[in-house]
Amino acid sequence: MGDRVHARPNKVLAAYRHCEEVTRAEAKNFSYGLRLLPGSKRQAMSAIYALARRVDDIGDGNLEPVRKTELLAQVGSMVDALAAGRMEDDETDPVWIALADAAQRFPIPLEVFQELITGVTMDVEQAEYKSFEDLLVYCRCVAGSIGRLSLGVFGCTDAERGREYADTLGLALQITNILRDVREDATMGRRYLPAEDVARFDCDEAWFATGLVPSDADFDALVRHEASRARTLFDEGLRLLPLLDRRSRACVGAMAGIYRNLLDTLDGEPAAVLAGRVSLTAGVKTRVALAALLGRVR
């Protein structure tokens, strides 16, 4: 399972190039970490991301819910076939070609993609979450699953603990995403923040789409409450790093570091999320990635 990318057939190399292009275009934060991986691992991670992006795009698209469910089921059937080692020789879809090759080179638990599909189906069904524990079920599906898939590429000195930490780190990343995207999700009719917490801080998610929260609601405290939970999950999930090799550790450290910086920004100015998506500059992301490469992850 070395880094002999030159030995792969042209069809496979072209498929990986497609997946890497998708990753560079869509994974604005993750791509900084992926650049720190050796070639084979970077390509395999791009294949994982490209399929995850496809699943997300189905859920976020403009099709009717019934059609979305059908398409998600089709992806699920293909995942089952790929996990069983069945793929047509004349397959032309670059995502499936790249993922099939990656799964031959790394012990990627392809069946875990079914959890991602379950989570996106919850989005299609416009699920709402009463408690933080309910929200964690969703986060484990859409983000913890990606952590566990990635671990198949990274490798780990302690598989059991590694899966647990990777899952937890995925939860932290997803909660950060939810806080960042509060307004965007609200305009799509999606409600992720636990209903119990929204009520506790005298908020109403119906206000989030307008960006106008009444002064007697404590929106800032709501965001900081969830940010504190995410920070605790980061602290636990980052225990994964010592279990990884240097380059994989740098990759995960960069991804996590970027999201922790984003979380700090949200915590410092919670109301900013109601004005639009909050993001970090390319310079900040680059500095975090370089620090991770040097083993400095906070």
Foldseek 3Di string as FASTA:
>chain_A
DDQPPVPDDPLLVVLLVVLVVCCVVPVVQLVLLLVLDRRLLSSLLSLVVSLLVVLLCLLVDDDQLVVSLVVLVVSLVLLVCLQVVDDDPPDRNSSSSNNSVSVVVWVFPSNLLVLLSVLSNCSSVQPEAADPVRLLSSQLSNFLSSLSRSCRSQPFQDNVLLSVLSSLLRSLLVLLVCLLQLQVCVVVVHHRQHPNLCVVQPHDSVCLVVLDTDPSGPQLVSLLVSLVVSVVSLVRSLVRLVGGPLSNSLSVLLSSQQSNVSSVVCNVPVSVSSVDGDHDDPVVSNVSSVCSSVVNHD
